[in-house]
C-alpha cells in the first residue's frame, strides 16, 4: 500500500492481492501511558484533512439527472451529500459535528483511564472491487462513502459483540467506537477503533495467567475477523455481483442435491454390485457400526478405513464418469467458476491452500461414502456365496419378470421431464424374498432394494431438515429487515 499524493487515486488492474483485507491490532492502556499517548489523539489522526474528503461522497447508483437537480432547492451549490462538519462517523451518525467529537474524546480518555485496550481494524479495499460494485468512479473519483459507512456500522456490531468471550460492553452505552475513510493511498482504507469505557472486571474477559494476568483480553479470534470481512463484502456487493454469486452457489447446490438424491438408484444396481462387495469386504469388521471417512480424504493411504475409502473413491469415479456424468460435470464446472470469484476477491492462493471447489467435492464424496457405509453396516455376515453366480441368477429372474422393457434403466435422463419418466433401476424390481445377492452380502429382509429404500429415506429427512432451516433463516432475515425499517422510521431517516 503506497501513498499517492492525491485523494481517491486508487490503483486499478491489480490481480495478486485480496479485494478486501482486514488487519487487526490492539494497544493496551499501560503501553499507551508509558509512551505518553492518549487514545483521544486518534481522533486527530482520523480527522486528517490530507487523508479525507467529504466533497467526493456520492452514490454511484443514485445519481440524479439534470431535471431533478433543478427541482431540488439548493442542489446546485451543495458540495456534499452530508451536512455535518467531520468525516468521522459512529454507530448512529455518518458524520460527526463538533459536539460529537468532544464527547468522543472524553469517552476515549475514560476508556484509557479505566485500563481498557483500544482496538483498531482497517479495511483495505482495492480500487477494482470498488469499481465492480459501483462504489467508486475512477474518472470523477466519486466514492459512495455513505454505503461504505453503513456497512462498517454493521461490522462494528459483529466485532464488538462476538469478538470476545462476552460482548465487549456491559450495556449498549459501555463501548466507544468511531470510524473514518482515508483516501490518500493506492487502496481505500476504512479505519475502525473501539474500546470498553468502564473498567473490565468480568473474569471471562481478563487474562487468567502469564505475564498479562488480570489485563483485558486483546486478541480477536481469526474466525471472527474472517466473518466480519465476509459480512462487509456481502453488504457492499452490487445487486448484479451478489446475484452472480448467488446463482453460482444455487447451481452448485442444485447439482449436489441431484447427485445425492439419485446416488442410491445409480449405485445400488447390478453394474456396481461387485465393486460394492469389494468395498464391504475391505471394511474393518471390528469397527462395524462406526464406519466413517472421518477427517481423512478418501484417497488417504493410512488407517483401517484406507482400503475401503480408496475403493469407494474408485466407485464414485466410475459413477461420475457414467451414470451421473452430466450432473457431476455441472457441479464441478460451477464450483470452479466460484474459485475464480474467490481469487478475484481474496488474491492469488498460497502454496498448499485448497480451492473452494476441491473442498466442496471432498464434502460430496465423503457424504456419499458415509451414506454407503451406514447402510452396508446393516448387512449380516451369515453366508458365503459366489457373487457372479448370484448376480446371474438375480438378473435372469429380473429379465423374466420384466421381459419387454423398453428403456435403458441405467441411462440418465437429460432433462427434468425425462427424469420424471425414467424407470427405476433393475434391482428395485427384485423379489424381496431373495435374501442374498453375493458373497457375504445377505441383507435383513431383502436385497439392495432395502438399502436403497433406507438411503432414500435418509436423504428425504436431510432435505426436509435443510428446507426447514432455510425457511427459519428467511423468517429471521425478514424480521430483522422489518426491525431495521421501523428503527429508521423512528429516527426520521
Protein backbone atom coordinates (compact mmCIF):
# COMPACT_ATOMS: atom_id res chain seq x y z
CA UNK A 1 0.00 0.00 0.00
CA UNK A 2 1.61 3.25 -1.15
CA UNK A 3 0.89 6.94 -0.74
CA UNK A 4 -0.39 8.53 -3.93
CA UNK A 5 -0.11 12.20 -3.02
CA UNK A 6 -3.70 12.56 -4.21
CA UNK A 7 -7.20 11.91 -2.91
CA UNK A 8 -9.13 8.88 -4.25
CA UNK A 9 -6.49 7.96 -6.85
CA UNK A 10 -6.80 4.23 -6.23
CA UNK A 11 -4.81 1.66 -8.20
CA UNK A 12 -6.68 -0.44 -10.76
CA UNK A 13 -5.85 -3.66 -12.59
CA UNK A 14 -4.27 -5.44 -9.63
CA UNK A 15 -4.54 -9.24 -9.63
CA UNK A 16 -2.45 -10.71 -6.83
CA UNK A 17 -3.81 -9.03 -3.71
CA UNK A 18 -7.13 -9.56 -1.97
CA UNK A 19 -10.03 -7.26 -2.81
CA UNK A 20 -10.67 -6.59 0.90
CA UNK A 21 -8.13 -7.06 3.70
CA UNK A 22 -8.83 -6.60 7.40
CA UNK A 23 -5.72 -6.44 9.58
CA UNK A 24 -6.40 -6.07 13.32
CA UNK A 25 -4.31 -4.82 16.23
CA UNK A 26 -4.75 -3.51 19.76
CA UNK A 27 -2.83 -1.34 22.22
CA UNK A 28 -3.03 -1.68 25.99
CA UNK A 29 -3.63 1.36 28.14
CA UNK A 30 -0.38 0.71 30.03
CA UNK A 31 1.62 0.76 26.78
CA UNK A 32 -0.06 3.99 25.68
CA UNK A 33 0.51 5.55 29.11
CA UNK A 34 4.18 4.57 29.06
CA UNK A 35 4.67 6.24 25.65
CA UNK A 36 2.73 9.33 26.66
CA UNK A 37 0.00 8.60 24.11
CA UNK A 38 -3.71 9.33 24.54
CA UNK A 39 -6.48 7.36 22.92
CA UNK A 40 -8.21 10.62 22.07
CA UNK A 41 -5.21 11.60 19.88
CA UNK A 42 -6.51 9.03 17.37
CA UNK A 43 -9.32 11.45 16.58
CA UNK A 44 -6.77 13.91 15.16
CA UNK A 45 -5.18 11.15 13.05
CA UNK A 46 -8.59 10.06 11.76
CA UNK A 47 -9.63 13.63 11.01
CA UNK A 48 -6.53 14.50 8.97
CA UNK A 49 -7.70 16.58 6.01
CA UNK A 50 -4.86 15.26 3.88
CA UNK A 51 -6.37 11.78 4.12
CA UNK A 52 -10.09 12.54 3.95
CA UNK A 53 -12.56 14.29 1.69
CA UNK A 54 -16.30 14.69 2.06
CA UNK A 55 -16.73 16.52 -1.23
CA UNK A 56 -16.46 13.31 -3.28
CA UNK A 57 -19.24 11.47 -1.45
CA UNK A 58 -21.95 10.37 -3.87
CA UNK A 59 -23.90 7.22 -4.57
CA UNK A 60 -22.88 5.67 -7.88
CA UNK A 61 -26.32 4.17 -8.39
CA UNK A 62 -28.41 7.11 -7.24
CA UNK A 63 -27.00 9.99 -9.33
CA UNK A 64 -29.93 12.17 -10.30
CA UNK A 65 -30.43 13.67 -13.73
CA UNK A 66 -30.37 17.39 -14.58
CA UNK A 67 -34.16 17.85 -14.36
CA UNK A 68 -34.18 16.53 -10.82
CA UNK A 69 -31.23 18.71 -9.87
CA UNK A 70 -33.15 21.86 -10.85
CA UNK A 71 -36.20 20.69 -8.90
CA UNK A 72 -34.24 20.29 -5.65
CA UNK A 73 -33.74 23.57 -3.73
CA UNK A 74 -30.08 24.31 -3.09
CA UNK A 75 -28.80 21.31 -5.03
CA UNK A 76 -26.57 23.33 -7.36
CA UNK A 77 -24.48 24.81 -4.57
CA UNK A 78 -24.41 21.67 -2.46
CA UNK A 79 -20.85 20.41 -2.03
CA UNK A 80 -21.64 17.17 -0.27
CA UNK A 81 -24.40 14.69 0.44
CA UNK A 82 -23.87 15.32 4.13
CA UNK A 83 -24.42 18.36 6.31
CA UNK A 84 -22.11 17.72 9.29
CA UNK A 85 -18.57 19.00 9.62
CA UNK A 86 -16.30 15.99 10.18
CA UNK A 87 -15.63 12.82 8.13
CA UNK A 88 -15.59 10.73 11.33
CA UNK A 89 -18.66 8.55 11.89
CA UNK A 90 -20.07 6.30 14.61
CA UNK A 91 -22.96 4.00 15.43
CA UNK A 92 -25.76 6.49 14.80
CA UNK A 93 -24.25 9.19 12.58
CA UNK A 94 -22.42 9.16 9.26
CA UNK A 95 -20.67 12.46 10.02
CA UNK A 96 -19.85 13.88 13.45
CA UNK A 97 -20.28 17.52 14.41
CA UNK A 98 -18.12 19.41 16.90
CA UNK A 99 -20.18 18.28 19.89
CA UNK A 100 -19.92 14.63 18.84
CA UNK A 101 -16.14 14.97 18.53
CA UNK A 102 -15.93 16.45 22.03
CA UNK A 103 -17.94 13.59 23.52
CA UNK A 104 -15.86 11.05 21.57
CA UNK A 105 -12.62 12.42 23.02
CA UNK A 106 -13.97 12.23 26.59
CA UNK A 107 -15.17 8.65 26.11
CA UNK A 108 -11.79 7.56 24.70
CA UNK A 109 -9.93 9.16 27.62
CA UNK A 110 -12.31 7.42 30.04
CA UNK A 111 -11.61 4.05 28.40
CA UNK A 112 -7.85 4.61 28.76
CA UNK A 113 -8.12 5.75 32.39
CA UNK A 114 -10.06 2.55 33.20
CA UNK A 115 -7.27 0.34 31.84
CA UNK A 116 -9.01 -0.90 28.70
CA UNK A 117 -7.44 -1.77 25.34
CA UNK A 118 -8.02 0.26 22.22
CA UNK A 119 -8.72 -1.98 19.20
CA UNK A 120 -8.11 -0.96 15.61
CA UNK A 121 -9.17 -2.73 12.42
CA UNK A 122 -8.63 -1.32 8.95
CA UNK A 123 -10.46 -2.44 5.82
CA UNK A 124 -8.05 -2.06 2.90
CA UNK A 125 -10.13 -2.15 -0.29
CA UNK A 126 -8.84 -2.48 -3.84
CA UNK A 127 -9.97 0.01 -6.44
CA UNK A 128 -11.06 -2.80 -8.81
CA UNK A 129 -13.50 -4.14 -6.27
CA UNK A 130 -14.91 -0.69 -5.55
CA UNK A 131 -15.49 -0.11 -9.28
CA UNK A 132 -17.04 -3.55 -9.82
CA UNK A 133 -19.54 -2.94 -7.03
CA UNK A 134 -20.47 0.63 -8.04
CA UNK A 135 -18.74 2.21 -5.05
CA UNK A 136 -16.10 4.26 -6.91
CA UNK A 137 -15.87 6.08 -10.22
CA UNK A 138 -12.18 6.35 -11.25
CA UNK A 139 -12.91 9.17 -13.72
CA UNK A 140 -14.72 11.51 -11.34
CA UNK A 141 -13.12 9.99 -8.20
CA UNK A 142 -16.52 9.95 -6.53
CA UNK A 143 -16.98 7.39 -3.74
CA UNK A 144 -20.22 6.08 -2.24
CA UNK A 145 -18.96 6.86 1.25
CA UNK A 146 -22.36 6.56 2.91
CA UNK A 147 -22.79 2.98 1.75
CA UNK A 148 -19.29 2.11 2.98
CA UNK A 149 -20.02 3.68 6.36
CA UNK A 150 -23.33 1.84 6.73
CA UNK A 151 -21.50 -1.45 6.09
CA UNK A 152 -18.87 -0.67 8.73
CA UNK A 153 -21.59 0.22 11.24
CA UNK A 154 -22.93 -3.33 10.88
CA UNK A 155 -19.48 -4.92 11.04
CA UNK A 156 -18.69 -2.95 14.20
CA UNK A 157 -21.63 -4.66 15.94
CA UNK A 158 -20.28 -8.08 14.96
CA UNK A 159 -16.76 -7.39 16.20
CA UNK A 160 -17.86 -5.73 19.45
CA UNK A 161 -20.49 -8.32 20.34
CA UNK A 162 -18.84 -11.52 19.05
CA UNK A 163 -15.12 -10.80 19.08
CA UNK A 164 -14.58 -11.85 22.69
CA UNK A 165 -15.80 -14.40 25.23
CA UNK A 166 -18.62 -11.98 26.10
CA UNK A 167 -19.92 -8.82 24.40
CA UNK A 168 -17.29 -6.13 24.97
CA UNK A 169 -19.73 -3.68 26.54
CA UNK A 170 -21.76 -4.49 29.64
CA UNK A 171 -24.59 -2.44 28.12
CA UNK A 172 -25.14 -0.59 24.84
CA UNK A 173 -23.52 2.61 26.18
CA UNK A 174 -20.40 0.93 27.53
CA UNK A 175 -18.44 0.90 24.26
CA UNK A 176 -16.99 3.84 22.37
CA UNK A 177 -16.23 3.37 18.68
CA UNK A 178 -15.65 5.51 15.62
CA UNK A 179 -14.54 5.10 12.03
CA UNK A 180 -13.21 7.10 9.10
CA UNK A 181 -12.47 6.68 5.38
CA UNK A 182 -8.91 7.55 4.30
CA UNK A 183 -8.29 8.12 0.59
CA UNK A 184 -4.60 9.08 0.33
CA UNK A 185 -3.13 5.68 -0.67
CA UNK A 186 -3.49 3.33 -3.65
CA UNK A 187 -6.19 1.40 -1.73
CA UNK A 188 -9.16 2.91 0.09
CA UNK A 189 -8.75 2.41 3.85
CA UNK A 190 -11.62 2.32 6.33
CA UNK A 191 -10.39 2.52 9.91
CA UNK A 192 -12.40 1.35 12.90
CA UNK A 193 -11.40 1.95 16.53
CA UNK A 194 -13.29 0.77 19.62
CA UNK A 195 -12.81 0.36 23.38
CA UNK A 196 -14.78 -0.50 26.50
CA UNK A 197 -15.48 2.57 28.63
CA UNK A 198 -15.98 1.18 32.15
CA UNK A 199 -13.30 -0.82 33.97
CA UNK A 200 -13.28 -4.51 32.99
CA UNK A 201 -13.95 -6.80 35.96
CA UNK A 202 -15.51 -9.87 34.32
CA UNK A 203 -13.22 -12.90 34.67
CA UNK A 204 -14.18 -14.20 31.21
CA UNK A 205 -12.77 -11.00 29.70
CA UNK A 206 -9.49 -10.92 31.65
CA UNK A 207 -6.25 -12.85 31.15
CA UNK A 208 -6.09 -15.54 33.84
CA UNK A 209 -2.40 -16.36 33.79
CA UNK A 210 1.00 -15.37 32.48
CA UNK A 211 2.70 -12.01 32.18
CA UNK A 212 -0.53 -10.13 31.44
CA UNK A 213 -2.69 -11.77 34.10
CA UNK A 214 -5.57 -9.51 35.12
CA UNK A 215 -5.42 -7.39 31.95
CA UNK A 216 -8.28 -7.30 29.43
CA UNK A 217 -8.09 -9.85 26.59
CA UNK A 218 -6.97 -8.14 23.40
CA UNK A 219 -6.82 -10.70 20.59
CA UNK A 220 -9.91 -11.13 18.42
CA UNK A 221 -10.12 -14.70 17.02
CA UNK A 222 -9.26 -15.02 13.34
CA UNK A 223 -12.59 -16.71 12.54
CA UNK A 224 -14.47 -13.63 13.84
CA UNK A 225 -12.32 -11.33 11.70
CA UNK A 226 -12.98 -13.53 8.66
CA UNK A 227 -16.70 -13.47 9.41
CA UNK A 228 -16.61 -9.66 9.64
CA UNK A 229 -14.75 -9.48 6.33
CA UNK A 230 -17.35 -11.70 4.62
CA UNK A 231 -20.18 -9.66 6.13
CA UNK A 232 -18.57 -6.43 4.93
CA UNK A 233 -18.08 -7.72 1.38
CA UNK A 234 -21.60 -9.09 1.16
CA UNK A 235 -23.19 -5.84 2.31
CA UNK A 236 -21.26 -3.81 -0.24
CA UNK A 237 -21.67 -6.02 -3.28
CA UNK A 238 -23.73 -4.56 -6.08
CA UNK A 239 -27.03 -6.32 -6.72
CA UNK A 240 -25.61 -7.63 -10.01
CA UNK A 241 -22.48 -9.05 -8.38
CA UNK A 242 -24.44 -10.50 -5.46
CA UNK A 243 -26.85 -12.15 -7.90
CA UNK A 244 -23.91 -13.62 -9.80
CA UNK A 245 -22.55 -15.18 -6.60
CA UNK A 246 -25.97 -16.45 -5.54
CA UNK A 247 -26.72 -18.01 -8.92
CA UNK A 248 -23.44 -19.93 -8.93
CA UNK A 249 -23.91 -21.14 -5.35
CA UNK A 250 -27.52 -22.08 -6.09
CA UNK A 251 -26.35 -24.02 -9.16
CA UNK A 252 -23.68 -25.87 -7.19
CA UNK A 253 -26.25 -26.72 -4.52
CA UNK A 254 -28.73 -27.90 -7.13
CA UNK A 255 -26.27 -30.27 -8.79
CA UNK A 256 -25.15 -31.56 -5.39
CA UNK A 257 -28.78 -32.23 -4.39
CA UNK A 258 -29.40 -34.05 -7.68
CA UNK A 259 -26.30 -36.23 -7.20
CA UNK A 260 -27.11 -37.09 -3.58
CA UNK A 261 -30.76 -37.90 -4.32
CA UNK A 262 -30.07 -40.06 -7.37
CA UNK A 263 -26.98 -41.83 -5.98
CA UNK A 264 -28.85 -44.75 -4.35
CA UNK A 265 -30.66 -45.75 -7.54
CA UNK A 266 -27.49 -45.39 -9.61
CA UNK A 267 -25.10 -47.11 -7.18
CA UNK A 268 -27.23 -49.95 -5.87
CA UNK A 269 -27.70 -51.83 -9.13
CA UNK A 270 -26.20 -54.79 -10.92
CA UNK A 271 -23.37 -52.83 -12.58
CA UNK A 272 -21.82 -51.82 -9.27
CA UNK A 273 -22.68 -54.88 -7.15
CA UNK A 274 -19.24 -56.43 -7.47
CA UNK A 275 -17.47 -53.19 -6.57
CA UNK A 276 -19.71 -52.71 -3.54
CA UNK A 277 -18.99 -56.28 -2.46
CA UNK A 278 -15.24 -55.50 -2.60
CA UNK A 279 -15.80 -52.37 -0.52
CA UNK A 280 -17.80 -54.36 2.02
CA UNK A 281 -15.05 -56.96 2.34
CA UNK A 282 -12.45 -54.20 2.79
CA UNK A 283 -14.32 -52.57 5.66
CA UNK A 284 -12.80 -53.38 9.10
CA UNK A 285 -15.35 -55.64 10.77
CA UNK A 286 -14.16 -54.69 14.27
CA UNK A 287 -15.37 -51.14 13.51
CA UNK A 288 -18.78 -52.15 12.16
CA UNK A 289 -21.39 -49.54 13.01
CA UNK A 290 -18.65 -46.90 13.17
CA UNK A 291 -17.60 -46.90 9.52
CA UNK A 292 -16.86 -43.28 8.59
CA UNK A 293 -14.47 -41.47 6.29
CA UNK A 294 -13.63 -39.13 9.18
CA UNK A 295 -11.26 -36.21 8.69
CA UNK A 296 -9.12 -38.03 6.14
CA UNK A 297 -9.58 -37.73 2.40
CA UNK A 298 -10.93 -40.76 0.57
CA UNK A 299 -7.57 -41.12 -1.16
CA UNK A 300 -5.52 -41.07 2.07
CA UNK A 301 -3.47 -44.24 2.37
CA UNK A 302 -3.43 -44.62 6.16
CA UNK A 303 -5.78 -46.05 8.76
CA UNK A 304 -8.11 -49.03 8.98
CA UNK A 305 -10.56 -47.44 6.55
CA UNK A 306 -7.93 -46.65 3.91
CA UNK A 307 -8.57 -49.60 1.56
CA UNK A 308 -12.37 -49.27 1.71
CA UNK A 309 -12.10 -45.50 1.20
CA UNK A 310 -9.91 -45.90 -1.86
CA UNK A 311 -12.24 -48.50 -3.37
CA UNK A 312 -15.22 -46.24 -2.66
CA UNK A 313 -13.45 -43.34 -4.33
CA UNK A 314 -12.90 -45.51 -7.42
CA UNK A 315 -16.57 -46.46 -7.38
CA UNK A 316 -17.56 -42.78 -7.25
CA UNK A 317 -15.15 -42.01 -10.11
CA UNK A 318 -16.94 -44.65 -12.17
CA UNK A 319 -20.37 -43.31 -11.16
CA UNK A 320 -19.39 -39.74 -12.07
CA UNK A 321 -17.94 -40.92 -15.39
CA UNK A 322 -21.05 -42.85 -16.42
CA UNK A 323 -24.48 -42.58 -14.76
CA UNK A 324 -24.06 -39.14 -13.17
CA UNK A 325 -21.65 -37.59 -15.65
CA UNK A 326 -23.82 -34.55 -16.63
CA UNK A 327 -24.63 -33.72 -13.00
CA UNK A 328 -21.04 -34.15 -11.83
CA UNK A 329 -19.58 -32.09 -14.67
CA UNK A 330 -22.13 -29.33 -13.98
CA UNK A 331 -21.28 -29.40 -10.26
CA UNK A 332 -17.54 -29.23 -10.94
CA UNK A 333 -17.77 -26.52 -13.59
CA UNK A 334 -19.80 -24.15 -11.42
CA UNK A 335 -17.62 -24.84 -8.36
CA UNK A 336 -14.53 -23.92 -10.39
CA UNK A 337 -16.27 -20.76 -11.55
CA UNK A 338 -16.66 -19.84 -7.88
CA UNK A 339 -12.92 -20.50 -7.41
CA UNK A 340 -12.28 -17.71 -9.93
CA UNK A 341 -14.50 -15.37 -7.91
CA UNK A 342 -12.61 -16.23 -4.73
CA UNK A 343 -9.29 -15.47 -6.41
CA UNK A 344 -10.70 -12.13 -7.57
CA UNK A 345 -11.84 -11.36 -4.01
CA UNK A 346 -9.02 -12.88 -1.97
CA UNK A 347 -5.99 -12.75 -4.23
CA UNK A 348 -3.71 -15.48 -5.56
CA UNK A 349 -3.81 -18.62 -3.40
CA UNK A 350 -0.83 -19.64 -1.31
CA UNK A 351 1.00 -22.90 -1.91
CA UNK A 352 -0.89 -25.77 -0.30
CA UNK A 353 -4.10 -23.77 0.09
CA UNK A 354 -7.11 -25.78 -1.11
CA UNK A 355 -9.60 -24.36 -3.57
CA UNK A 356 -13.27 -23.96 -2.70
CA UNK A 357 -14.21 -26.43 -5.45
CA UNK A 358 -11.83 -29.06 -4.03
CA UNK A 359 -13.35 -28.74 -0.57
CA UNK A 360 -16.87 -28.98 -1.98
CA UNK A 361 -16.01 -32.11 -3.96
CA UNK A 362 -14.44 -33.69 -0.88
CA UNK A 363 -17.61 -32.93 1.08
CA UNK A 364 -19.77 -34.51 -1.64
CA UNK A 365 -17.65 -37.66 -1.88
CA UNK A 366 -17.48 -38.05 1.90
CA UNK A 367 -21.24 -37.65 2.19
CA UNK A 368 -21.91 -40.35 -0.40
CA UNK A 369 -19.26 -42.66 1.09
CA UNK A 370 -20.61 -42.29 4.63
CA UNK A 371 -24.16 -42.94 3.43
CA UNK A 372 -22.98 -46.12 1.69
CA UNK A 373 -21.05 -47.28 4.77
CA UNK A 374 -24.00 -46.59 7.03
CA UNK A 375 -26.27 -48.87 5.02
CA UNK A 376 -23.67 -51.55 4.38
CA UNK A 377 -23.45 -51.86 8.17
CA UNK A 378 -26.92 -53.45 8.04
CA UNK A 379 -25.58 -56.47 6.14
CA UNK A 380 -25.32 -59.69 8.15
CA UNK A 381 -22.25 -61.93 7.92
CA UNK A 382 -24.08 -65.26 7.63
CA UNK A 383 -23.39 -66.62 4.16
CA UNK A 384 -20.57 -67.09 1.66
CA UNK A 385 -21.85 -67.41 -1.91
CA UNK A 386 -20.32 -66.69 -5.28
CA UNK A 387 -21.33 -63.17 -6.26
CA UNK A 388 -21.14 -63.78 -10.01
CA UNK A 389 -23.50 -66.76 -9.76
CA UNK A 390 -25.85 -64.81 -7.51
CA UNK A 391 -25.90 -61.82 -9.85
CA UNK A 392 -26.52 -64.12 -12.85
CA UNK A 393 -29.49 -65.70 -11.10
CA UNK A 394 -30.72 -62.30 -9.98
CA UNK A 395 -30.59 -60.80 -13.48
CA UNK A 396 -32.20 -63.90 -15.00
CA UNK A 397 -35.07 -63.58 -12.54
CA UNK A 398 -35.46 -59.86 -13.29
CA UNK A 399 -35.45 -60.39 -17.08
CA UNK A 400 -38.23 -62.96 -16.78
CA UNK A 401 -40.37 -60.63 -14.69
CA UNK A 402 -39.58 -57.54 -16.71
CA UNK A 403 -39.43 -59.00 -20.23
CA UNK A 404 -40.03 -56.47 -22.96
CA UNK A 405 -38.82 -53.43 -21.02
CA UNK A 406 -38.42 -50.52 -23.42
CA UNK A 407 -35.99 -48.26 -21.59
CA UNK A 408 -32.32 -48.37 -20.72
CA UNK A 409 -32.71 -48.34 -16.96
CA UNK A 410 -29.22 -47.14 -16.22
CA UNK A 411 -29.48 -44.17 -18.59
CA UNK A 412 -29.53 -40.72 -17.00
CA UNK A 413 -32.26 -38.51 -18.42
CA UNK A 414 -31.05 -35.28 -19.94
CA UNK A 415 -33.99 -33.10 -18.91
CA UNK A 416 -36.27 -32.77 -15.84
CA UNK A 417 -39.18 -34.13 -17.87
CA UNK A 418 -37.18 -37.20 -18.93
CA UNK A 419 -36.07 -37.75 -15.33
CA UNK A 420 -39.69 -37.91 -14.21
CA UNK A 421 -40.36 -40.59 -16.83
CA UNK A 422 -37.18 -42.59 -16.26
CA UNK A 423 -37.75 -46.05 -14.74
CA UNK A 424 -36.15 -47.26 -11.55
CA UNK A 425 -33.05 -49.50 -11.64
CA UNK A 426 -33.43 -53.20 -12.21
CA UNK A 427 -32.64 -54.04 -8.64
CA UNK A 428 -35.80 -52.38 -7.36
CA UNK A 429 -37.90 -54.95 -9.21
CA UNK A 430 -36.26 -57.89 -7.48
CA UNK A 431 -38.45 -60.22 -5.47
CA UNK A 432 -37.85 -59.17 -1.85
CA UNK A 433 -37.90 -62.82 -0.82
CA UNK A 434 -34.47 -63.26 -2.44
CA UNK A 435 -32.27 -62.91 0.63
CA UNK A 436 -28.76 -62.97 -0.93
CA UNK A 437 -27.01 -61.15 -3.73
CA UNK A 438 -23.43 -62.21 -3.25
CA UNK A 439 -20.56 -63.33 -1.13
CA UNK A 440 -21.14 -62.17 2.47
CA UNK A 441 -23.89 -59.83 1.34
CA UNK A 442 -27.28 -61.02 2.66
CA UNK A 443 -29.41 -58.08 3.77
CA UNK A 444 -32.00 -58.15 6.54
CA UNK A 445 -35.41 -58.58 4.94
CA UNK A 446 -34.29 -58.19 1.31
CA UNK A 447 -31.58 -57.14 -1.10
CA UNK A 448 -30.02 -53.90 -2.30
CA UNK A 449 -33.56 -52.57 -2.60
CA UNK A 450 -33.84 -52.28 1.19
CA UNK A 451 -30.54 -50.42 1.45
CA UNK A 452 -31.70 -48.16 -1.38
CA UNK A 453 -35.04 -47.52 0.33
CA UNK A 454 -33.43 -46.66 3.67
CA UNK A 455 -30.86 -44.48 1.95
CA UNK A 456 -33.58 -42.52 0.16
CA UNK A 457 -35.45 -42.12 3.46
CA UNK A 458 -32.33 -40.58 5.00
CA UNK A 459 -31.96 -38.23 2.03
CA UNK A 460 -35.60 -37.12 2.34
CA UNK A 461 -35.11 -36.47 6.06
CA UNK A 462 -31.95 -34.43 5.41
CA UNK A 463 -33.65 -32.50 2.61
CA UNK A 464 -36.65 -31.67 4.81
CA UNK A 465 -34.33 -30.53 7.61
CA UNK A 466 -32.39 -28.28 5.20
CA UNK A 467 -35.63 -26.78 3.85
CA UNK A 468 -36.88 -26.07 7.39
CA UNK A 469 -33.55 -24.43 8.26
CA UNK A 470 -33.73 -22.20 5.16
CA UNK A 471 -37.33 -21.26 5.96
CA UNK A 472 -36.30 -20.30 9.50
CA UNK A 473 -33.34 -18.28 8.17
CA UNK A 474 -35.59 -16.42 5.74
CA UNK A 475 -38.03 -15.64 8.54
CA UNK A 476 -35.22 -14.28 10.74
CA UNK A 477 -33.92 -12.10 7.88
CA UNK A 478 -37.40 -10.74 7.19
CA UNK A 479 -37.92 -9.91 10.87
CA UNK A 480 -34.51 -8.22 11.02
CA UNK A 481 -35.27 -6.16 7.91
CA UNK A 482 -38.61 -5.08 9.41
CA UNK A 483 -36.92 -4.08 12.69
CA UNK A 484 -34.31 -2.02 10.81
CA UNK A 485 -37.00 -0.34 8.73
CA UNK A 486 -39.03 0.55 11.84
CA UNK A 487 -35.87 1.79 13.54
CA UNK A 488 -35.08 4.06 10.59
CA UNK A 489 -38.62 5.40 10.57
CA UNK A 490 -38.44 6.12 14.31
CA UNK A 491 -35.19 8.07 13.81
CA UNK A 492 -36.74 10.01 10.95
CA UNK A 493 -34.17 8.77 8.43
